[in-house]
All heavy atoms as atom14 arrays in JSON, in Angstrom:
{
  "sequence": "HTKFGIERFINGFLDLLSITFVNRFGKSPMHFFGLFGVLAFVGGM",
  "atom14_mask": [
    [1, 1, 1, 1, 1, 1, 1, 1, 1, 1, 0, 0, 0, 0],
    [1, 1, 1, 1, 1, 1, 1, 0, 0, 0, 0, 0, 0, 0],
    [1, 1, 1, 1, 1, 1, 1, 1, 1, 0, 0, 0, 0, 0],
    [1, 1, 1, 1, 1, 1, 1, 1, 1, 1, 1, 0, 0, 0],
    [1, 1, 1, 1, 0, 0, 0, 0, 0, 0, 0, 0, 0, 0],
    [1, 1, 1, 1, 1, 1, 1, 1, 0, 0, 0, 0, 0, 0],
    [1, 1, 1, 1, 1, 1, 1, 1, 1, 0, 0, 0, 0, 0],
    [1, 1, 1, 1, 1, 1, 1, 1, 1, 1, 1, 0, 0, 0],
    [1, 1, 1, 1, 1, 1, 1, 1, 1, 1, 1, 0, 0, 0],
    [1, 1, 1, 1, 1, 1, 1, 1, 0, 0, 0, 0, 0, 0],
    [1, 1, 1, 1, 1, 1, 1, 1, 0, 0, 0, 0, 0, 0],
    [1, 1, 1, 1, 0, 0, 0, 0, 0, 0, 0, 0, 0, 0],
    [1, 1, 1, 1, 1, 1, 1, 1, 1, 1, 1, 0, 0, 0],
    [1, 1, 1, 1, 1, 1, 1, 1, 0, 0, 0, 0, 0, 0],
    [1, 1, 1, 1, 1, 1, 1, 1, 0, 0, 0, 0, 0, 0],
    [1, 1, 1, 1, 1, 1, 1, 1, 0, 0, 0, 0, 0, 0],
    [1, 1, 1, 1, 1, 1, 1, 1, 0, 0, 0, 0, 0, 0],
    [1, 1, 1, 1, 1, 1, 0, 0, 0, 0, 0, 0, 0, 0],
    [1, 1, 1, 1, 1, 1, 1, 1, 0, 0, 0, 0, 0, 0],
    [1, 1, 1, 1, 1, 1, 1, 0, 0, 0, 0, 0, 0, 0],
    [1, 1, 1, 1, 1, 1, 1, 1, 1, 1, 1, 0, 0, 0],
    [1, 1, 1, 1, 1, 1, 1, 0, 0, 0, 0, 0, 0, 0],
    [1, 1, 1, 1, 1, 1, 1, 1, 0, 0, 0, 0, 0, 0],
    [1, 1, 1, 1, 1, 1, 1, 1, 1, 1, 1, 0, 0, 0],
    [1, 1, 1, 1, 1, 1, 1, 1, 1, 1, 1, 0, 0, 0],
    [1, 1, 1, 1, 0, 0, 0, 0, 0, 0, 0, 0, 0, 0],
    [1, 1, 1, 1, 1, 1, 1, 1, 1, 0, 0, 0, 0, 0],
    [1, 1, 1, 1, 1, 1, 0, 0, 0, 0, 0, 0, 0, 0],
    [1, 1, 1, 1, 1, 1, 1, 0, 0, 0, 0, 0, 0, 0],
    [1, 1, 1, 1, 1, 1, 1, 1, 0, 0, 0, 0, 0, 0],
    [1, 1, 1, 1, 1, 1, 1, 1, 1, 1, 0, 0, 0, 0],
    [1, 1, 1, 1, 1, 1, 1, 1, 1, 1, 1, 0, 0, 0],
    [1, 1, 1, 1, 1, 1, 1, 1, 1, 1, 1, 0, 0, 0],
    [1, 1, 1, 1, 0, 0, 0, 0, 0, 0, 0, 0, 0, 0],
    [1, 1, 1, 1, 1, 1, 1, 1, 0, 0, 0, 0, 0, 0],
    [1, 1, 1, 1, 1, 1, 1, 1, 1, 1, 1, 0, 0, 0],
    [1, 1, 1, 1, 0, 0, 0, 0, 0, 0, 0, 0, 0, 0],
    [1, 1, 1, 1, 1, 1, 1, 0, 0, 0, 0, 0, 0, 0],
    [1, 1, 1, 1, 1, 1, 1, 1, 0, 0, 0, 0, 0, 0],
    [1, 1, 1, 1, 1, 0, 0, 0, 0, 0, 0, 0, 0, 0],
    [1, 1, 1, 1, 1, 1, 1, 1, 1, 1, 1, 0, 0, 0],
    [1, 1, 1, 1, 1, 1, 1, 0, 0, 0, 0, 0, 0, 0],
    [1, 1, 1, 1, 0, 0, 0, 0, 0, 0, 0, 0, 0, 0],
    [1, 1, 1, 1, 0, 0, 0, 0, 0, 0, 0, 0, 0, 0],
    [1, 1, 1, 1, 1, 1, 1, 1, 0, 0, 0, 0, 0, 0]
  ],
  "atom14_positions": [
    [[98.45, -65.91, -54.92], [98.17, -64.5, -55.2], [99.48, -63.8, -55.51], [100.57, -64.28, -55.17], [97.48, -63.82, -54.0], [98.25, -63.96, -52.72], [99.27, -63.1, -52.37], [98.18, -64.89, -51.71], [99.77, -63.48, -51.19], [99.12, -64.55, -50.77], [0.0, 0.0, 0.0], [0.0, 0.0, 0.0], [0.0, 0.0, 0.0], [0.0, 0.0, 0.0]],
    [[99.4, -62.66, -56.16], [100.59, -61.91, -56.55], [101.35, -61.42, -55.34], [100.77, -61.09, -54.31], [100.23, -60.73, -57.47], [101.43, -60.05, -57.84], [99.3, -59.77, -56.76], [0.0, 0.0, 0.0], [0.0, 0.0, 0.0], [0.0, 0.0, 0.0], [0.0, 0.0, 0.0], [0.0, 0.0, 0.0], [0.0, 0.0, 0.0], [0.0, 0.0, 0.0]],
    [[102.69, -61.37, -55.47], [103.54, -60.85, -54.4], [103.8, -59.35, -54.57], [104.57, -58.75, -53.83], [104.89, -61.58, -54.39], [104.8, -63.11, -54.42], [104.04, -63.66, -53.25], [104.13, -65.18, -53.18], [103.54, -65.88, -54.31], [0.0, 0.0, 0.0], [0.0, 0.0, 0.0], [0.0, 0.0, 0.0], [0.0, 0.0, 0.0], [0.0, 0.0, 0.0]],
    [[103.15, -58.74, -55.58], [103.38, -57.32, -55.87], [102.67, -56.46, -54.84], [101.51, -56.69, -54.51], [102.85, -56.99, -57.27], [103.1, -55.56, -57.68], [104.29, -55.19, -58.28], [102.16, -54.57, -57.45], [104.53, -53.88, -58.66], [102.38, -53.26, -57.82], [103.57, -52.93, -58.44], [0.0, 0.0, 0.0], [0.0, 0.0, 0.0], [0.0, 0.0, 0.0]],
    [[103.38, -55.46, -54.31], [102.8, -54.53, -53.37], [103.21, -53.11, -53.7], [104.05, -52.87, -54.56], [0.0, 0.0, 0.0], [0.0, 0.0, 0.0], [0.0, 0.0, 0.0], [0.0, 0.0, 0.0], [0.0, 0.0, 0.0], [0.0, 0.0, 0.0], [0.0, 0.0, 0.0], [0.0, 0.0, 0.0], [0.0, 0.0, 0.0], [0.0, 0.0, 0.0]],
    [[102.64, -52.14, -52.98], [102.94, -50.74, -53.26], [104.41, -50.43, -53.01], [105.0, -49.54, -53.65], [102.05, -49.83, -52.38], [102.21, -48.35, -52.82], [102.39, -50.01, -50.92], [101.78, -48.06, -54.22], [0.0, 0.0, 0.0], [0.0, 0.0, 0.0], [0.0, 0.0, 0.0], [0.0, 0.0, 0.0], [0.0, 0.0, 0.0], [0.0, 0.0, 0.0]],
    [[105.06, -51.2, -52.09], [106.47, -50.93, -51.82], [107.34, -51.21, -53.04], [108.39, -50.57, -53.25], [106.95, -51.76, -50.61], [107.09, -53.24, -50.84], [105.75, -53.98, -50.76], [104.73, -53.32, -50.45], [105.72, -55.2, -51.01], [0.0, 0.0, 0.0], [0.0, 0.0, 0.0], [0.0, 0.0, 0.0], [0.0, 0.0, 0.0], [0.0, 0.0, 0.0]],
    [[106.91, -52.15, -53.91], [107.69, -52.43, -55.12], [107.58, -51.29, -56.11], [108.5, -51.07, -56.9], [107.21, -53.74, -55.75], [107.62, -54.97, -55.0], [107.15, -56.24, -55.67], [107.69, -56.36, -57.01], [107.36, -57.34, -57.85], [106.48, -58.26, -57.47], [107.88, -57.39, -59.06], [0.0, 0.0, 0.0], [0.0, 0.0, 0.0], [0.0, 0.0, 0.0]],
    [[106.48, -50.56, -56.09], [106.33, -49.39, -56.96], [107.37, -48.34, -56.58], [108.04, -47.75, -57.44], [104.91, -48.84, -56.83], [104.65, -47.62, -57.66], [104.31, -47.74, -58.99], [104.75, -46.34, -57.12], [104.08, -46.61, -59.77], [104.52, -45.21, -57.89], [104.18, -45.35, -59.21], [0.0, 0.0, 0.0], [0.0, 0.0, 0.0], [0.0, 0.0, 0.0]],
    [[107.5, -48.11, -55.28], [108.46, -47.11, -54.8], [109.89, -47.6, -54.99], [110.75, -46.89, -55.5], [108.18, -46.79, -53.32], [106.77, -46.21, -53.15], [109.23, -45.82, -52.77], [106.33, -46.08, -51.71], [0.0, 0.0, 0.0], [0.0, 0.0, 0.0], [0.0, 0.0, 0.0], [0.0, 0.0, 0.0], [0.0, 0.0, 0.0], [0.0, 0.0, 0.0]],
    [[110.13, -48.85, -54.57], [111.48, -49.4, -54.65], [111.98, -49.49, -56.09], [113.18, -49.36, -56.35], [111.54, -50.78, -54.0], [111.34, -50.72, -52.5], [111.51, -49.66, -51.9], [110.98, -51.83, -51.9], [0.0, 0.0, 0.0], [0.0, 0.0, 0.0], [0.0, 0.0, 0.0], [0.0, 0.0, 0.0], [0.0, 0.0, 0.0], [0.0, 0.0, 0.0]],
    [[111.06, -49.7, -57.01], [111.45, -49.83, -58.41], [112.11, -48.56, -58.93], [113.14, -48.63, -59.61], [0.0, 0.0, 0.0], [0.0, 0.0, 0.0], [0.0, 0.0, 0.0], [0.0, 0.0, 0.0], [0.0, 0.0, 0.0], [0.0, 0.0, 0.0], [0.0, 0.0, 0.0], [0.0, 0.0, 0.0], [0.0, 0.0, 0.0], [0.0, 0.0, 0.0]],
    [[111.52, -47.41, -58.62], [112.1, -46.15, -59.08], [113.41, -45.83, -58.34], [114.35, -45.31, -58.92], [111.1, -45.0, -58.9], [110.11, -44.91, -60.01], [108.77, -45.19, -59.79], [110.5, -44.57, -61.3], [107.84, -45.12, -60.81], [109.59, -44.49, -62.33], [108.25, -44.77, -62.1], [0.0, 0.0, 0.0], [0.0, 0.0, 0.0], [0.0, 0.0, 0.0]],
    [[113.46, -46.18, -57.04], [114.7, -45.98, -56.31], [115.81, -46.86, -56.88], [116.96, -46.44, -57.01], [114.49, -46.3, -54.82], [113.55, -45.35, -54.07], [113.37, -45.82, -52.63], [114.09, -43.92, -54.09], [0.0, 0.0, 0.0], [0.0, 0.0, 0.0], [0.0, 0.0, 0.0], [0.0, 0.0, 0.0], [0.0, 0.0, 0.0], [0.0, 0.0, 0.0]],
    [[115.46, -48.09, -57.24], [116.43, -49.0, -57.85], [116.92, -48.46, -59.19], [118.09, -48.61, -59.54], [115.83, -50.39, -58.05], [115.59, -51.11, -56.73], [116.28, -50.78, -55.76], [114.72, -51.99, -56.69], [0.0, 0.0, 0.0], [0.0, 0.0, 0.0], [0.0, 0.0, 0.0], [0.0, 0.0, 0.0], [0.0, 0.0, 0.0], [0.0, 0.0, 0.0]],
    [[116.01, -47.85, -59.95], [116.4, -47.28, -61.24], [117.42, -46.16, -61.06], [118.42, -46.09, -61.79], [115.17, -46.76, -61.98], [115.43, -46.11, -63.35], [116.12, -47.1, -64.29], [114.13, -45.61, -63.97], [0.0, 0.0, 0.0], [0.0, 0.0, 0.0], [0.0, 0.0, 0.0], [0.0, 0.0, 0.0], [0.0, 0.0, 0.0], [0.0, 0.0, 0.0]],
    [[117.18, -45.28, -60.07], [118.14, -44.22, -59.79], [119.48, -44.8, -59.34], [120.54, -44.37, -59.78], [117.58, -43.29, -58.7], [116.33, -42.48, -59.06], [115.85, -41.7, -57.84], [116.61, -41.53, -60.22], [0.0, 0.0, 0.0], [0.0, 0.0, 0.0], [0.0, 0.0, 0.0], [0.0, 0.0, 0.0], [0.0, 0.0, 0.0], [0.0, 0.0, 0.0]],
    [[119.41, -45.81, -58.47], [120.63, -46.43, -57.96], [121.43, -47.1, -59.06], [122.64, -46.91, -59.19], [120.27, -47.46, -56.88], [121.41, -48.18, -56.48], [0.0, 0.0, 0.0], [0.0, 0.0, 0.0], [0.0, 0.0, 0.0], [0.0, 0.0, 0.0], [0.0, 0.0, 0.0], [0.0, 0.0, 0.0], [0.0, 0.0, 0.0], [0.0, 0.0, 0.0]],
    [[120.75, -47.86, -59.9], [121.43, -48.62, -60.94], [122.01, -47.69, -62.01], [123.05, -47.95, -62.59], [120.47, -49.67, -61.56], [121.27, -50.85, -62.1], [119.58, -49.09, -62.62], [120.4, -52.02, -62.49], [0.0, 0.0, 0.0], [0.0, 0.0, 0.0], [0.0, 0.0, 0.0], [0.0, 0.0, 0.0], [0.0, 0.0, 0.0], [0.0, 0.0, 0.0]],
    [[121.33, -46.56, -62.25], [121.85, -45.59, -63.21], [123.13, -44.95, -62.67], [124.11, -44.79, -63.4], [120.8, -44.49, -63.47], [119.61, -45.11, -64.0], [121.31, -43.48, -64.48], [0.0, 0.0, 0.0], [0.0, 0.0, 0.0], [0.0, 0.0, 0.0], [0.0, 0.0, 0.0], [0.0, 0.0, 0.0], [0.0, 0.0, 0.0], [0.0, 0.0, 0.0]],
    [[123.12, -44.6, -61.39], [124.31, -44.0, -60.78], [125.47, -44.99, -60.76], [126.61, -44.64, -61.1], [123.99, -43.54, -59.36], [125.14, -42.87, -58.68], [125.37, -41.51, -58.85], [126.01, -43.59, -57.87], [126.43, -40.88, -58.23], [127.08, -42.97, -57.25], [127.29, -41.62, -57.43], [0.0, 0.0, 0.0], [0.0, 0.0, 0.0], [0.0, 0.0, 0.0]],
    [[125.18, -46.24, -60.37], [126.23, -47.26, -60.3], [126.81, -47.51, -61.68], [128.02, -47.7, -61.85], [125.68, -48.56, -59.69], [126.68, -49.69, -59.84], [125.36, -48.36, -58.22], [0.0, 0.0, 0.0], [0.0, 0.0, 0.0], [0.0, 0.0, 0.0], [0.0, 0.0, 0.0], [0.0, 0.0, 0.0], [0.0, 0.0, 0.0], [0.0, 0.0, 0.0]],
    [[125.95, -47.51, -62.7], [126.4, -47.75, -64.07], [127.4, -46.68, -64.5], [128.45, -46.97, -65.07], [125.19, -47.76, -65.01], [125.59, -47.89, -66.47], [126.62, -48.49, -66.78], [124.79, -47.35, -67.35], [0.0, 0.0, 0.0], [0.0, 0.0, 0.0], [0.0, 0.0, 0.0], [0.0, 0.0, 0.0], [0.0, 0.0, 0.0], [0.0, 0.0, 0.0]],
    [[127.07, -45.43, -64.22], [127.89, -44.32, -64.72], [129.09, -44.0, -63.84], [130.14, -43.58, -64.34], [127.02, -43.07, -64.88], [125.93, -43.25, -65.93], [125.12, -42.0, -66.12], [124.1, -42.18, -67.15], [123.2, -41.27, -67.49], [123.19, -40.11, -66.89], [122.3, -41.52, -68.44], [0.0, 0.0, 0.0], [0.0, 0.0, 0.0], [0.0, 0.0, 0.0]],
    [[128.94, -44.2, -62.53], [130.0, -43.76, -61.63], [130.48, -44.83, -60.66], [131.31, -44.54, -59.8], [129.53, -42.54, -60.83], [129.05, -41.4, -61.68], [127.7, -41.1, -61.75], [129.94, -40.64, -62.43], [127.24, -40.05, -62.54], [129.49, -39.59, -63.22], [128.14, -39.3, -63.28], [0.0, 0.0, 0.0], [0.0, 0.0, 0.0], [0.0, 0.0, 0.0]],
    [[129.96, -46.05, -60.78], [130.33, -47.1, -59.83], [131.81, -47.42, -59.84], [132.42, -47.68, -58.8], [0.0, 0.0, 0.0], [0.0, 0.0, 0.0], [0.0, 0.0, 0.0], [0.0, 0.0, 0.0], [0.0, 0.0, 0.0], [0.0, 0.0, 0.0], [0.0, 0.0, 0.0], [0.0, 0.0, 0.0], [0.0, 0.0, 0.0], [0.0, 0.0, 0.0]],
    [[132.43, -47.43, -61.01], [133.85, -47.74, -61.11], [134.73, -46.52, -60.83], [135.88, -46.66, -60.45], [134.16, -48.27, -62.52], [133.45, -49.57, -62.87], [133.9, -50.7, -61.99], [133.26, -52.02, -62.43], [133.63, -53.15, -61.55], [0.0, 0.0, 0.0], [0.0, 0.0, 0.0], [0.0, 0.0, 0.0], [0.0, 0.0, 0.0], [0.0, 0.0, 0.0]],
    [[134.2, -45.33, -61.05], [134.97, -44.1, -60.84], [134.12, -43.06, -60.12], [133.7, -42.07, -60.71], [135.47, -43.54, -62.17], [136.29, -44.47, -62.84], [0.0, 0.0, 0.0], [0.0, 0.0, 0.0], [0.0, 0.0, 0.0], [0.0, 0.0, 0.0], [0.0, 0.0, 0.0], [0.0, 0.0, 0.0], [0.0, 0.0, 0.0], [0.0, 0.0, 0.0]],
    [[133.83, -43.28, -58.83], [132.99, -42.33, -58.09], [133.59, -40.93, -58.02], [132.86, -39.95, -57.87], [132.87, -42.96, -56.69], [133.98, -43.94, -56.61], [134.23, -44.43, -57.99], [0.0, 0.0, 0.0], [0.0, 0.0, 0.0], [0.0, 0.0, 0.0], [0.0, 0.0, 0.0], [0.0, 0.0, 0.0], [0.0, 0.0, 0.0], [0.0, 0.0, 0.0]],
    [[134.91, -40.82, -58.17], [135.54, -39.51, -58.13], [135.05, -38.63, -59.29], [135.03, -37.4, -59.18], [137.06, -39.65, -58.19], [137.81, -38.33, -58.12], [137.53, -37.43, -56.56], [138.73, -38.25, -55.51], [0.0, 0.0, 0.0], [0.0, 0.0, 0.0], [0.0, 0.0, 0.0], [0.0, 0.0, 0.0], [0.0, 0.0, 0.0], [0.0, 0.0, 0.0]],
    [[134.66, -39.25, -60.4], [134.18, -38.47, -61.54], [132.91, -37.7, -61.2], [132.62, -36.67, -61.81], [133.92, -39.39, -62.74], [135.16, -39.96, -63.33], [135.16, -40.84, -64.39], [136.47, -39.78, -63.0], [136.4, -41.17, -64.69], [137.21, -40.54, -63.85], [0.0, 0.0, 0.0], [0.0, 0.0, 0.0], [0.0, 0.0, 0.0], [0.0, 0.0, 0.0]],
    [[132.13, -38.21, -60.26], [130.9, -37.52, -59.84], [131.17, -36.63, -58.63], [131.02, -35.41, -58.69], [129.81, -38.53, -59.51], [128.54, -37.9, -59.0], [127.61, -37.38, -59.88], [128.28, -37.83, -57.64], [126.44, -36.79, -59.41], [127.11, -37.25, -57.16], [126.2, -36.72, -58.05], [0.0, 0.0, 0.0], [0.0, 0.0, 0.0], [0.0, 0.0, 0.0]],
    [[131.61, -37.26, -57.54], [131.81, -36.51, -56.31], [132.94, -35.49, -56.46], [132.87, -34.37, -55.95], [132.11, -37.46, -55.15], [130.94, -38.29, -54.73], [130.85, -39.63, -55.09], [129.91, -37.74, -53.99], [129.78, -40.4, -54.72], [128.82, -38.5, -53.61], [128.75, -39.83, -53.97], [0.0, 0.0, 0.0], [0.0, 0.0, 0.0], [0.0, 0.0, 0.0]],
    [[134.01, -35.91, -57.14], [135.15, -35.03, -57.29], [134.82, -33.79, -58.11], [135.22, -32.67, -57.77], [0.0, 0.0, 0.0], [0.0, 0.0, 0.0], [0.0, 0.0, 0.0], [0.0, 0.0, 0.0], [0.0, 0.0, 0.0], [0.0, 0.0, 0.0], [0.0, 0.0, 0.0], [0.0, 0.0, 0.0], [0.0, 0.0, 0.0], [0.0, 0.0, 0.0]],
    [[134.06, -33.99, -59.2], [133.7, -32.87, -60.07], [132.91, -31.81, -59.31], [133.28, -30.63, -59.26], [132.91, -33.37, -61.27], [132.32, -32.29, -62.19], [133.43, -31.47, -62.82], [131.44, -32.91, -63.26], [0.0, 0.0, 0.0], [0.0, 0.0, 0.0], [0.0, 0.0, 0.0], [0.0, 0.0, 0.0], [0.0, 0.0, 0.0], [0.0, 0.0, 0.0]],
    [[131.8, -32.25, -58.68], [130.96, -31.29, -57.96], [131.67, -30.76, -56.71], [131.46, -29.61, -56.31], [129.62, -31.93, -57.6], [128.72, -32.12, -58.79], [128.6, -33.36, -59.38], [128.02, -31.06, -59.32], [127.78, -33.55, -60.48], [127.19, -31.23, -60.42], [127.07, -32.48, -61.01], [0.0, 0.0, 0.0], [0.0, 0.0, 0.0], [0.0, 0.0, 0.0]],
    [[132.5, -31.61, -56.1], [133.25, -31.15, -54.94], [134.23, -30.04, -55.28], [134.3, -29.03, -54.6], [0.0, 0.0, 0.0], [0.0, 0.0, 0.0], [0.0, 0.0, 0.0], [0.0, 0.0, 0.0], [0.0, 0.0, 0.0], [0.0, 0.0, 0.0], [0.0, 0.0, 0.0], [0.0, 0.0, 0.0], [0.0, 0.0, 0.0], [0.0, 0.0, 0.0]],
    [[134.96, -30.22, -56.37], [135.92, -29.2, -56.79], [135.2, -27.92, -57.19], [135.62, -26.81, -56.83], [136.79, -29.73, -57.96], [137.58, -28.59, -58.6], [137.74, -30.81, -57.45], [0.0, 0.0, 0.0], [0.0, 0.0, 0.0], [0.0, 0.0, 0.0], [0.0, 0.0, 0.0], [0.0, 0.0, 0.0], [0.0, 0.0, 0.0], [0.0, 0.0, 0.0]],
    [[134.09, -28.05, -57.94], [133.35, -26.86, -58.35], [132.83, -26.08, -57.14], [132.94, -24.85, -57.08], [132.19, -27.26, -59.26], [132.56, -27.78, -60.66], [131.31, -28.23, -61.41], [133.29, -26.7, -61.45], [0.0, 0.0, 0.0], [0.0, 0.0, 0.0], [0.0, 0.0, 0.0], [0.0, 0.0, 0.0], [0.0, 0.0, 0.0], [0.0, 0.0, 0.0]],
    [[132.27, -26.81, -56.15], [131.75, -26.15, -54.96], [132.87, -25.5, -54.15], [132.75, -24.35, -53.68], [130.98, -27.15, -54.1], [0.0, 0.0, 0.0], [0.0, 0.0, 0.0], [0.0, 0.0, 0.0], [0.0, 0.0, 0.0], [0.0, 0.0, 0.0], [0.0, 0.0, 0.0], [0.0, 0.0, 0.0], [0.0, 0.0, 0.0], [0.0, 0.0, 0.0]],
    [[133.97, -26.21, -54.0], [135.08, -25.69, -53.2], [135.69, -24.45, -53.88], [135.9, -23.41, -53.22], [136.14, -26.77, -53.03], [137.32, -26.33, -52.19], [137.25, -26.36, -50.82], [138.49, -25.88, -52.79], [138.32, -25.94, -50.04], [139.56, -25.46, -52.04], [139.48, -25.49, -50.65], [0.0, 0.0, 0.0], [0.0, 0.0, 0.0], [0.0, 0.0, 0.0]],
    [[135.96, -24.56, -55.17], [136.57, -23.43, -55.89], [135.62, -22.23, -55.9], [136.04, -21.08, -55.7], [136.95, -23.84, -57.32], [137.37, -22.63, -58.16], [138.08, -24.86, -57.28], [0.0, 0.0, 0.0], [0.0, 0.0, 0.0], [0.0, 0.0, 0.0], [0.0, 0.0, 0.0], [0.0, 0.0, 0.0], [0.0, 0.0, 0.0], [0.0, 0.0, 0.0]],
    [[134.32, -22.5, -56.14], [133.36, -21.4, -56.14], [133.27, -20.7, -54.8], [133.26, -19.46, -54.71], [0.0, 0.0, 0.0], [0.0, 0.0, 0.0], [0.0, 0.0, 0.0], [0.0, 0.0, 0.0], [0.0, 0.0, 0.0], [0.0, 0.0, 0.0], [0.0, 0.0, 0.0], [0.0, 0.0, 0.0], [0.0, 0.0, 0.0], [0.0, 0.0, 0.0]],
    [[133.24, -21.49, -53.71], [133.17, -20.92, -52.38], [134.4, -20.12, -52.04], [134.31, -19.0, -51.49], [0.0, 0.0, 0.0], [0.0, 0.0, 0.0], [0.0, 0.0, 0.0], [0.0, 0.0, 0.0], [0.0, 0.0, 0.0], [0.0, 0.0, 0.0], [0.0, 0.0, 0.0], [0.0, 0.0, 0.0], [0.0, 0.0, 0.0], [0.0, 0.0, 0.0]],
    [[135.57, -20.65, -52.36], [136.81, -19.94, -52.06], [136.93, -18.67, -52.9], [137.45, -17.66, -52.42], [138.01, -20.86, -52.33], [138.12, -22.02, -51.34], [138.22, -21.5, -49.61], [139.77, -20.59, -49.64], [0.0, 0.0, 0.0], [0.0, 0.0, 0.0], [0.0, 0.0, 0.0], [0.0, 0.0, 0.0], [0.0, 0.0, 0.0], [0.0, 0.0, 0.0]]
  ]
}
């Protein structure tokens, strides 16, 4: 019988979000966190 279950439906979309983030920012996480961090800090100050 198939090994497919409802958890794979949920995990599939979570994996898509994860793999997209890793693709764009995995090598340079500062480009994501640093950008929004600086904007939030400067705006707050």
